[in-house]
Amino acid sequence: MTVSDTESHQARFNGPGRITRGDLMGAARKIVENRSKEIRCLATPLIGFQGRSEKEIERRLAMYVIGWDFAAEELEEKYTALIDSGNYERAAGLAVFHGDIDRAVMILGRAKKENFRIMSTAIAAYTSMGKTSENNAWKDHCRELSSDLDDPYLRVIFAYIADANWYDVLDDSSLPLRERLGVALRFLNDQELNFYLNKVAETVIERGEIEGLIITGLTEKGIDLLQSYVDRTSDVQSACLMASFTCPKYFQDDRVEHWVQSYRMLLNSWSLFAVRARFDVARTKLSRRIDGLIQTKRVPRQIYLQCINCHKNISKTSNKNTDSQAKFRSGDDSKTRSNGGGNKSGVRHSTVCPHCGYSLPRCAICLISQGIPIPKDVISVDNYENGLTNNATEAIVKAESKFKEWFSICLSCNHTMHAGHAEEWFSKHWVCPVPDCDCKCNNI
């Protein structure tokens, strides 16, 4: 994130439980100090910005983020790893980016490809001709060669040695953004660096380049970048997951909420309900601020038991008019809707819908209507008869007994059972207990 971007959003992060600029600088200074301790243990100097800067902490933190805060020993290890993997072009480019032209000549000179060895000879002439102001044939040749090369690292090497201008490197968009940022952080002064970062930020936002988040951060500008990325790729999942780390924890944005709803609907359409639920839980945890306040709205209940007649939630109490109608209807058909015979008083039972009075389905195993307590299992009865003294054990037994009376509905064949009966049945069988139904309910 650029310096100006940080300052422009400072007000957004102020307030109870929010991060201030002082907090950011304190955390940045601590990271830089810890990194300095690691470098001192290596007993090699840090290769950083060559000059004075009022933003030294920010520069060093930025180089740490992009992986460019090399100590001399670490840089040598990087060269070795690239050479061993046959990536001579990038190793030579990395040497030039750190101002070590002689090392780039040596790397290309040891390559197996003859073209690389010829290029090393041309680069070696930089030490004798590159610093002269004459527009000689050698510089013209380097410029022509730079425009003809396909590899971005070799192209920027010859572009730089032709004019000794770092902007020839910074303006090459085919070079990875991290490499360009590393060069800018090492060689540009504060004013030039700030201008360059803002320019690059505008470019990556317009193009929707996801790598540009290392400049914008997950700020409002970062959301602009993610929106361009979604418009270009339709990858709402990546945008949603990344944005959830800061929105709504630090700021609100309607676009993020739209991505979230689209992503949740997508997961539901694929029947990935468990994945969607884990996403909801994780996003809620990410929205918790330092003061413990959660910024996301509670996700409403999405699953409830629905009457097959009126399609209303049977767990909700109906209003007076509907309640009277249910009483009237339950009184008309009391034999089928009560568990004890008559229902002359018109009082509703738990075996009927509270809205329309329609009978609830029966358990496919015991044929008892759902909503009626089923006999407790032998273990629970024995425990109660023996007189348990452990309150925790009693609570567990009660909870287990209560759970066994819950509705258990197969989402494939729609047959229903008591949860306890379903558990017992599918411990010995594979198919649905309803005759002529070959659904393997337990494998759905």
Protein backbone atom coordinates (compact mmCIF):
# COMPACT_ATOMS: atom_id res chain seq x y z
CA MET A 1 0.00 0.00 0.00
CA THR A 2 1.32 3.45 -0.89
CA VAL A 3 2.10 6.11 1.69
CA SER A 4 -0.60 8.44 0.35
CA ASP A 5 -3.11 5.60 0.39
CA THR A 6 -2.37 4.95 4.06
CA GLU A 7 -2.85 8.58 4.99
CA SER A 8 -6.07 8.97 2.98
CA HIS A 9 -7.69 6.06 4.81
CA GLN A 10 -6.42 6.97 8.28
CA ALA A 11 -9.81 8.34 9.33
CA ARG A 12 -11.46 5.06 8.37
CA PHE A 13 -9.32 3.16 10.87
CA ASN A 14 -9.71 5.57 13.80
CA GLY A 15 -12.22 5.08 16.57
CA PRO A 16 -12.92 2.47 19.27
CA GLY A 17 -11.42 -0.87 18.42
CA ARG A 18 -9.86 0.43 15.18
CA ILE A 19 -6.26 0.62 14.06
CA THR A 20 -4.55 4.04 14.02
CA ARG A 21 -1.54 5.14 11.99
CA GLY A 22 0.52 4.98 15.19
CA ASP A 23 -0.45 1.33 15.60
CA LEU A 24 0.57 0.62 12.00
CA MET A 25 3.95 2.33 12.39
CA GLY A 26 4.59 0.59 15.68
CA ALA A 27 3.89 -2.81 14.16
CA ALA A 28 6.00 -1.98 11.09
CA ARG A 29 8.93 -0.86 13.24
CA LYS A 30 8.76 -4.06 15.27
CA ILE A 31 8.81 -6.22 12.12
CA VAL A 32 11.78 -4.30 10.75
CA GLU A 33 13.67 -4.59 14.05
CA ASN A 34 13.08 -8.34 14.20
CA ARG A 35 14.33 -8.65 10.65
CA SER A 36 17.44 -6.63 11.53
CA LYS A 37 18.20 -9.08 14.34
CA GLU A 38 18.02 -11.97 11.88
CA ILE A 39 20.42 -10.21 9.51
CA ARG A 40 22.88 -9.50 12.30
CA CYS A 41 22.95 -13.21 13.04
CA LEU A 42 24.05 -13.79 9.43
CA ALA A 43 26.91 -11.31 9.89
CA THR A 44 26.30 -9.95 6.37
CA PRO A 45 25.03 -6.48 5.40
CA LEU A 46 21.48 -5.80 4.27
CA ILE A 47 21.12 -4.81 0.62
CA GLY A 48 18.53 -2.04 0.74
CA PHE A 49 17.87 1.50 -0.37
CA GLN A 50 20.99 3.31 -1.50
CA GLY A 51 20.61 6.78 0.04
CA ARG A 52 18.62 8.66 2.66
CA SER A 53 14.87 8.36 3.06
CA GLU A 54 12.28 9.81 5.41
CA LYS A 55 10.27 6.65 4.86
CA GLU A 56 12.97 4.15 5.77
CA ILE A 57 10.68 2.01 7.93
CA GLU A 58 8.03 1.86 5.20
CA ARG A 59 10.64 1.02 2.55
CA ARG A 60 12.15 -1.79 4.56
CA LEU A 61 8.73 -3.19 5.43
CA ALA A 62 7.71 -3.07 1.76
CA MET A 63 10.90 -4.87 0.72
CA TYR A 64 10.22 -7.46 3.40
CA VAL A 65 6.66 -8.00 2.08
CA ILE A 66 7.77 -8.53 -1.53
CA GLY A 67 10.75 -10.70 -0.52
CA TRP A 68 13.48 -8.27 -1.52
CA ASP A 69 15.10 -7.56 1.86
CA PHE A 70 18.15 -9.69 1.08
CA ALA A 71 21.26 -9.93 3.16
CA ALA A 72 24.40 -10.51 1.06
CA GLU A 73 24.53 -14.18 2.05
CA GLU A 74 20.84 -14.69 1.25
CA LEU A 75 21.30 -13.06 -2.15
CA GLU A 76 24.13 -15.48 -2.95
CA GLU A 77 21.88 -18.37 -2.00
CA LYS A 78 19.20 -16.97 -4.31
CA TYR A 79 21.68 -16.82 -7.21
CA THR A 80 22.71 -20.40 -6.58
CA ALA A 81 19.14 -21.67 -6.45
CA LEU A 82 18.22 -19.95 -9.72
CA ILE A 83 21.37 -21.20 -11.51
CA ASP A 84 20.82 -24.76 -10.28
CA SER A 85 17.29 -24.68 -11.70
CA GLY A 86 18.62 -23.41 -15.06
CA ASN A 87 17.02 -19.98 -14.70
CA TYR A 88 20.11 -18.01 -15.78
CA GLU A 89 18.10 -15.09 -17.18
CA ARG A 90 16.40 -14.27 -13.89
CA ALA A 91 19.61 -14.77 -11.91
CA ALA A 92 21.41 -12.32 -14.20
CA GLY A 93 18.51 -9.87 -14.01
CA LEU A 94 18.50 -10.06 -10.22
CA ALA A 95 22.23 -9.27 -10.21
CA VAL A 96 21.69 -6.20 -12.41
CA PHE A 97 18.77 -5.06 -10.24
CA HIS A 98 21.14 -5.09 -7.27
CA GLY A 99 23.78 -3.12 -9.15
CA ASP A 100 26.16 -6.06 -9.66
CA ILE A 101 26.81 -6.04 -13.43
CA ASP A 102 29.95 -8.17 -13.11
CA ARG A 103 27.94 -10.91 -11.39
CA ALA A 104 25.40 -10.87 -14.25
CA VAL A 105 28.25 -11.28 -16.77
CA MET A 106 29.61 -14.24 -14.83
CA ILE A 107 26.20 -15.92 -14.54
CA LEU A 108 25.44 -15.70 -18.26
CA GLY A 109 29.02 -16.66 -19.16
CA ARG A 110 28.64 -19.97 -17.31
CA ALA A 111 25.33 -20.84 -18.97
CA LYS A 112 25.14 -23.85 -21.27
CA LYS A 113 23.39 -21.90 -24.03
CA GLU A 114 25.77 -20.24 -26.47
CA ASN A 115 23.44 -17.24 -26.89
CA PHE A 116 23.74 -16.45 -23.18
CA ARG A 117 27.53 -16.54 -23.36
CA ILE A 118 27.51 -14.15 -26.32
CA MET A 119 25.19 -11.82 -24.39
CA SER A 120 27.55 -11.88 -21.42
CA THR A 121 30.28 -10.49 -23.68
CA ALA A 122 28.04 -7.62 -24.77
CA ILE A 123 27.11 -6.84 -21.17
CA ALA A 124 30.77 -6.92 -20.14
CA ALA A 125 31.38 -3.91 -22.39
CA TYR A 126 29.14 -1.88 -20.08
CA THR A 127 32.00 -1.30 -17.64
CA SER A 128 34.05 0.43 -20.32
CA MET A 129 31.40 2.05 -22.53
CA GLY A 130 28.26 2.23 -20.48
CA LYS A 131 29.31 5.24 -18.46
CA THR A 132 30.23 7.43 -21.46
CA SER A 133 27.81 10.04 -22.78
CA GLU A 134 28.54 9.25 -26.43
CA ASN A 135 25.72 7.68 -28.42
CA ASN A 136 27.99 5.05 -29.94
CA ALA A 137 27.18 1.99 -31.98
CA TRP A 138 27.38 -0.26 -28.94
CA LYS A 139 24.49 1.52 -27.20
CA ASP A 140 22.43 1.48 -30.38
CA HIS A 141 23.04 -2.24 -30.68
CA CYS A 142 21.92 -2.81 -27.08
CA ARG A 143 18.68 -0.91 -27.69
CA GLU A 144 17.93 -2.93 -30.83
CA LEU A 145 18.75 -6.17 -29.05
CA SER A 146 16.48 -5.19 -26.16
CA SER A 147 13.50 -4.72 -28.48
CA ASP A 148 14.11 -8.07 -30.20
CA LEU A 149 14.46 -10.28 -27.10
CA ASP A 150 11.46 -12.22 -25.81
CA ASP A 151 12.65 -12.90 -22.28
CA PRO A 152 11.71 -9.94 -20.04
CA TYR A 153 14.82 -10.20 -17.86
CA LEU A 154 17.27 -10.15 -20.77
CA ARG A 155 15.26 -7.38 -22.42
CA VAL A 156 15.43 -5.05 -19.40
CA ILE A 157 19.12 -5.87 -18.85
CA PHE A 158 20.06 -4.55 -22.30
CA ALA A 159 17.62 -1.66 -22.01
CA TYR A 160 19.28 -0.59 -18.76
CA ILE A 161 22.90 -0.96 -19.86
CA ALA A 162 22.15 1.08 -22.99
CA ASP A 163 21.05 4.18 -21.05
CA ALA A 164 21.72 3.38 -17.36
CA ASN A 165 18.15 4.49 -16.65
CA TRP A 166 16.12 2.48 -14.14
CA TYR A 167 12.85 3.60 -15.70
CA ASP A 168 13.67 1.32 -18.65
CA VAL A 169 13.24 -1.49 -16.14
CA LEU A 170 10.27 0.00 -14.26
CA ASP A 171 8.23 0.68 -17.40
CA ASP A 172 8.44 -2.89 -18.73
CA SER A 173 5.04 -4.33 -17.76
CA SER A 174 6.06 -7.86 -18.79
CA LEU A 175 8.48 -7.99 -15.86
CA PRO A 176 6.88 -9.39 -12.68
CA LEU A 177 5.48 -6.63 -10.47
CA ARG A 178 7.55 -7.73 -7.47
CA GLU A 179 10.77 -7.27 -9.43
CA ARG A 180 9.77 -3.78 -10.57
CA LEU A 181 8.78 -2.79 -7.05
CA GLY A 182 12.09 -4.08 -5.72
CA VAL A 183 14.01 -1.89 -8.17
CA ALA A 184 11.84 1.14 -7.32
CA LEU A 185 12.31 0.66 -3.58
CA ARG A 186 16.07 0.36 -3.98
CA PHE A 187 16.88 3.17 -6.39
CA LEU A 188 14.11 5.82 -6.45
CA ASN A 189 13.99 8.69 -3.98
CA ASP A 190 10.90 9.32 -1.85
CA GLN A 191 9.18 11.67 -4.27
CA GLU A 192 9.84 9.49 -7.31
CA LEU A 193 8.82 6.37 -5.42
CA ASN A 194 5.51 7.85 -4.28
CA PHE A 195 4.70 8.98 -7.83
CA TYR A 196 5.64 5.60 -9.29
CA LEU A 197 3.60 3.60 -6.77
CA ASN A 198 0.49 5.70 -7.37
CA LYS A 199 0.94 5.31 -11.13
CA VAL A 200 1.32 1.53 -10.86
CA ALA A 201 -1.64 1.33 -8.46
CA GLU A 202 -3.89 3.05 -11.01
CA THR A 203 -2.69 0.68 -13.72
CA VAL A 204 -3.25 -2.55 -11.77
CA ILE A 205 -6.69 -1.36 -10.61
CA GLU A 206 -7.75 -0.58 -14.16
CA ARG A 207 -6.46 -3.94 -15.47
CA GLY A 208 -7.67 -5.98 -12.51
CA GLU A 209 -4.23 -7.50 -11.88
CA ILE A 210 -4.55 -9.46 -8.65
CA GLU A 211 -0.82 -9.17 -7.91
CA GLY A 212 -1.38 -5.44 -7.45
CA LEU A 213 -2.77 -6.10 -3.97
CA ILE A 214 0.80 -5.87 -2.67
CA ILE A 215 0.55 -2.16 -3.54
CA THR A 216 -3.05 -1.30 -2.71
CA GLY A 217 -3.49 -3.67 0.20
CA LEU A 218 -6.98 -4.82 1.18
CA THR A 219 -8.18 -1.22 1.44
CA GLU A 220 -10.88 0.59 -0.52
CA LYS A 221 -8.46 0.81 -3.44
CA GLY A 222 -7.89 -2.91 -3.06
CA ILE A 223 -11.66 -3.45 -3.35
CA ASP A 224 -11.61 -1.38 -6.56
CA LEU A 225 -8.90 -3.71 -7.88
CA LEU A 226 -10.87 -6.81 -6.88
CA GLN A 227 -13.95 -5.43 -8.62
CA SER A 228 -11.97 -5.02 -11.84
CA TYR A 229 -10.62 -8.54 -11.34
CA VAL A 230 -14.14 -9.94 -10.94
CA ASP A 231 -15.35 -8.03 -14.00
CA ARG A 232 -12.50 -9.54 -16.02
CA THR A 233 -12.52 -13.13 -14.72
CA SER A 234 -15.87 -13.66 -12.91
CA ASP A 235 -13.84 -15.25 -10.08
CA VAL A 236 -16.09 -14.09 -7.25
CA GLN A 237 -14.72 -16.76 -4.89
CA SER A 238 -11.17 -15.35 -4.75
CA ALA A 239 -12.41 -11.78 -4.40
CA CYS A 240 -14.86 -12.75 -1.65
CA LEU A 241 -12.33 -14.73 0.39
CA MET A 242 -9.64 -12.05 0.23
CA ALA A 243 -11.96 -9.13 0.98
CA SER A 244 -13.35 -10.92 4.05
CA PHE A 245 -10.09 -10.29 5.91
CA THR A 246 -10.79 -6.54 6.15
CA CYS A 247 -14.43 -6.01 5.24
CA PRO A 248 -16.52 -5.50 7.35
CA LYS A 249 -13.92 -5.60 10.12
CA TYR A 250 -12.43 -2.20 9.24
CA PHE A 251 -14.81 -0.70 6.69
CA GLN A 252 -18.07 -1.45 4.85
CA ASP A 253 -18.45 -1.88 1.11
CA ASP A 254 -21.62 -2.90 -0.71
CA ARG A 255 -19.63 -4.60 -3.45
CA VAL A 256 -18.12 -7.06 -0.97
CA GLU A 257 -21.56 -7.87 0.43
CA HIS A 258 -22.75 -8.54 -3.11
CA TRP A 259 -19.80 -10.92 -3.69
CA VAL A 260 -20.52 -12.69 -0.43
CA GLN A 261 -24.18 -13.27 -1.28
CA SER A 262 -23.28 -14.43 -4.79
CA TYR A 263 -20.66 -16.83 -3.42
CA ARG A 264 -23.07 -18.23 -0.81
CA MET A 265 -25.75 -18.77 -3.47
CA LEU A 266 -23.17 -20.47 -5.67
CA LEU A 267 -22.17 -22.90 -2.91
CA ASN A 268 -25.82 -23.62 -2.13
CA SER A 269 -26.57 -24.30 -5.80
CA TRP A 270 -23.78 -26.90 -5.76
CA SER A 271 -25.26 -28.44 -2.57
CA LEU A 272 -22.06 -27.52 -0.69
CA PHE A 273 -24.02 -26.53 2.39
CA ALA A 274 -21.32 -27.57 4.85
CA VAL A 275 -18.71 -25.51 2.97
CA ARG A 276 -21.04 -22.52 2.94
CA ALA A 277 -21.64 -22.87 6.66
CA ARG A 278 -17.89 -23.01 7.36
CA PHE A 279 -17.45 -19.89 5.24
CA ASP A 280 -20.11 -18.05 7.27
CA VAL A 281 -18.45 -19.05 10.53
CA ALA A 282 -14.94 -18.12 9.36
CA ARG A 283 -16.07 -14.74 8.02
CA THR A 284 -17.77 -13.98 11.33
CA LYS A 285 -14.53 -14.73 13.20
CA LEU A 286 -12.53 -12.51 10.83
CA SER A 287 -14.90 -9.61 11.49
CA ARG A 288 -14.07 -9.51 15.21
CA ARG A 289 -12.20 -6.33 16.13
CA ILE A 290 -9.62 -5.79 18.85
CA ASP A 291 -12.37 -4.78 21.29
CA GLY A 292 -14.20 -8.05 20.62
CA LEU A 293 -17.11 -6.57 18.64
CA ILE A 294 -18.25 -8.62 15.64
CA GLN A 295 -19.09 -6.54 12.58
CA THR A 296 -20.94 -9.08 10.44
CA LYS A 297 -24.67 -9.51 10.73
CA ARG A 298 -25.85 -12.78 12.16
CA VAL A 299 -26.77 -15.23 9.41
CA PRO A 300 -30.48 -16.07 9.74
CA ARG A 301 -31.65 -19.65 10.04
CA GLN A 302 -31.83 -21.27 6.62
CA ILE A 303 -33.15 -24.72 7.57
CA TYR A 304 -36.49 -25.32 9.26
CA LEU A 305 -39.31 -27.85 9.19
CA GLN A 306 -41.99 -26.93 6.69
CA CYS A 307 -45.56 -28.15 6.56
CA ILE A 308 -46.22 -30.14 3.38
CA ASN A 309 -49.71 -28.62 3.18
CA CYS A 310 -49.33 -24.86 3.83
CA HIS A 311 -45.50 -24.73 3.45
CA LYS A 312 -45.06 -22.66 6.61
CA ASN A 313 -42.50 -23.06 9.38
CA ILE A 314 -44.06 -25.41 11.92
CA SER A 315 -41.77 -24.18 14.69
CA LYS A 316 -43.32 -20.67 14.61
CA THR A 317 -46.45 -19.83 16.56
CA SER A 318 -49.31 -18.77 14.34
CA ASN A 319 -51.36 -15.60 14.87
CA LYS A 320 -54.79 -15.62 16.52
CA ASN A 321 -56.79 -16.02 13.33
CA THR A 322 -54.66 -18.84 12.02
CA ASP A 323 -54.53 -20.37 15.49
CA SER A 324 -58.33 -20.42 15.72
CA GLN A 325 -58.54 -21.99 12.30
CA ALA A 326 -56.03 -24.66 13.33
CA LYS A 327 -58.05 -25.39 16.46
CA PHE A 328 -61.23 -25.69 14.43
CA ARG A 329 -59.64 -27.98 11.86
CA SER A 330 -57.91 -30.09 14.50
CA GLY A 331 -61.27 -30.50 16.26
CA ASP A 332 -62.88 -31.70 13.02
CA ASP A 333 -60.33 -34.41 12.51
CA SER A 334 -59.27 -35.13 16.09
CA LYS A 335 -58.92 -38.86 15.59
CA THR A 336 -56.06 -38.46 13.14
CA ARG A 337 -54.38 -35.48 14.79
CA SER A 338 -54.37 -36.33 18.47
CA ASN A 339 -52.39 -38.95 20.27
CA GLY A 340 -55.14 -39.88 22.65
CA GLY A 341 -58.29 -40.24 20.58
CA GLY A 342 -60.82 -37.39 20.78
CA ASN A 343 -60.06 -33.69 20.74
CA LYS A 344 -63.44 -32.19 21.56
CA SER A 345 -61.89 -29.18 23.26
CA GLY A 346 -60.17 -28.22 20.01
CA VAL A 347 -56.75 -27.94 21.71
CA ARG A 348 -53.83 -28.29 19.30
CA HIS A 349 -51.35 -31.14 19.63
CA SER A 350 -47.70 -31.27 18.59
CA THR A 351 -48.60 -33.75 15.86
CA VAL A 352 -50.30 -31.14 13.67
CA CYS A 353 -49.18 -27.99 11.89
CA PRO A 354 -49.77 -24.93 14.11
CA HIS A 355 -50.92 -22.94 11.07
CA CYS A 356 -53.30 -25.19 9.14
CA GLY A 357 -53.79 -28.16 11.45
CA TYR A 358 -52.54 -30.67 8.90
CA SER A 359 -51.09 -33.88 10.37
CA LEU A 360 -47.34 -34.19 10.60
CA PRO A 361 -45.76 -37.25 8.91
CA ARG A 362 -45.27 -40.51 10.76
CA CYS A 363 -41.95 -42.20 11.52
CA ALA A 364 -41.24 -44.76 8.78
CA ILE A 365 -40.04 -47.27 11.40
CA CYS A 366 -42.31 -47.00 14.47
CA LEU A 367 -45.26 -45.40 12.59
CA ILE A 368 -45.78 -42.95 15.46
CA SER A 369 -46.56 -39.40 14.39
CA GLN A 370 -43.67 -36.98 14.56
CA GLY A 371 -43.93 -34.69 17.54
CA ILE A 372 -45.03 -37.38 20.00
CA PRO A 373 -42.41 -38.40 22.62
CA ILE A 374 -41.14 -41.90 21.93
CA PRO A 375 -40.37 -44.43 24.67
CA LYS A 376 -36.91 -43.94 26.17
CA ASP A 377 -34.27 -46.54 25.43
CA VAL A 378 -33.44 -49.21 27.99
CA ILE A 379 -30.15 -47.63 29.07
CA SER A 380 -31.73 -44.29 29.88
CA VAL A 381 -34.61 -45.90 31.82
CA ASP A 382 -32.21 -48.05 33.85
CA ASN A 383 -30.08 -45.02 34.64
CA TYR A 384 -33.04 -43.05 35.91
CA GLU A 385 -34.42 -46.00 37.92
CA ASN A 386 -31.05 -46.50 39.61
CA GLY A 387 -31.06 -42.84 40.65
CA LEU A 388 -28.15 -40.96 39.10
CA THR A 389 -26.31 -38.55 41.37
CA ASN A 390 -24.04 -37.09 38.69
CA ASN A 391 -25.77 -34.01 37.25
CA ALA A 392 -23.50 -34.03 34.19
CA THR A 393 -24.43 -37.63 33.37
CA GLU A 394 -28.11 -36.86 33.81
CA ALA A 395 -27.80 -33.91 31.44
CA ILE A 396 -26.07 -36.05 28.81
CA VAL A 397 -28.75 -38.76 29.04
CA LYS A 398 -31.53 -36.18 28.75
CA ALA A 399 -29.86 -34.54 25.75
CA GLU A 400 -29.36 -37.87 23.99
CA SER A 401 -32.93 -38.92 24.70
CA LYS A 402 -34.23 -35.58 23.41
CA PHE A 403 -32.15 -35.84 20.25
CA LYS A 404 -33.55 -39.27 19.43
CA GLU A 405 -37.03 -37.73 19.23
CA TRP A 406 -35.99 -35.15 16.62
CA PHE A 407 -37.10 -35.26 13.01
CA SER A 408 -34.72 -37.04 10.63
CA ILE A 409 -35.67 -36.45 6.99
CA CYS A 410 -33.95 -37.87 3.91
CA LEU A 411 -33.35 -35.05 1.42
CA SER A 412 -33.52 -37.55 -1.46
CA CYS A 413 -36.69 -39.61 -0.89
CA ASN A 414 -38.28 -37.21 1.70
CA HIS A 415 -39.17 -40.03 4.09
CA THR A 416 -39.00 -39.13 7.75
CA MET A 417 -37.99 -41.00 10.91
CA HIS A 418 -37.14 -40.30 14.50
CA ALA A 419 -33.42 -39.65 14.73
CA GLY A 420 -32.93 -42.48 17.22
CA HIS A 421 -34.79 -44.95 15.06
CA ALA A 422 -32.90 -43.84 11.95
CA GLU A 423 -29.58 -44.30 13.72
CA GLU A 424 -30.53 -47.80 14.83
CA TRP A 425 -31.95 -48.78 11.43
CA PHE A 426 -28.98 -47.66 9.35
CA SER A 427 -26.53 -49.35 11.70
CA LYS A 428 -27.83 -52.63 10.24
CA HIS A 429 -29.34 -51.70 6.85
CA TRP A 430 -28.38 -49.75 3.75
CA VAL A 431 -31.72 -48.81 2.18
CA CYS A 432 -34.73 -46.78 3.33
CA PRO A 433 -37.11 -48.61 5.71
CA VAL A 434 -40.16 -47.65 3.61
CA PRO A 435 -41.29 -50.62 1.47
CA ASP A 436 -40.46 -50.39 -2.25
CA CYS A 437 -38.09 -47.47 -1.63
CA ASP A 438 -34.53 -48.32 -2.67
CA CYS A 439 -33.04 -44.97 -1.57
CA LYS A 440 -29.73 -45.27 0.30
CA CYS A 441 -30.59 -42.45 2.69
CA ASN A 442 -27.48 -42.82 4.84
CA ASN A 443 -25.16 -42.27 1.86
CA ILE A 444 -26.68 -39.00 0.63
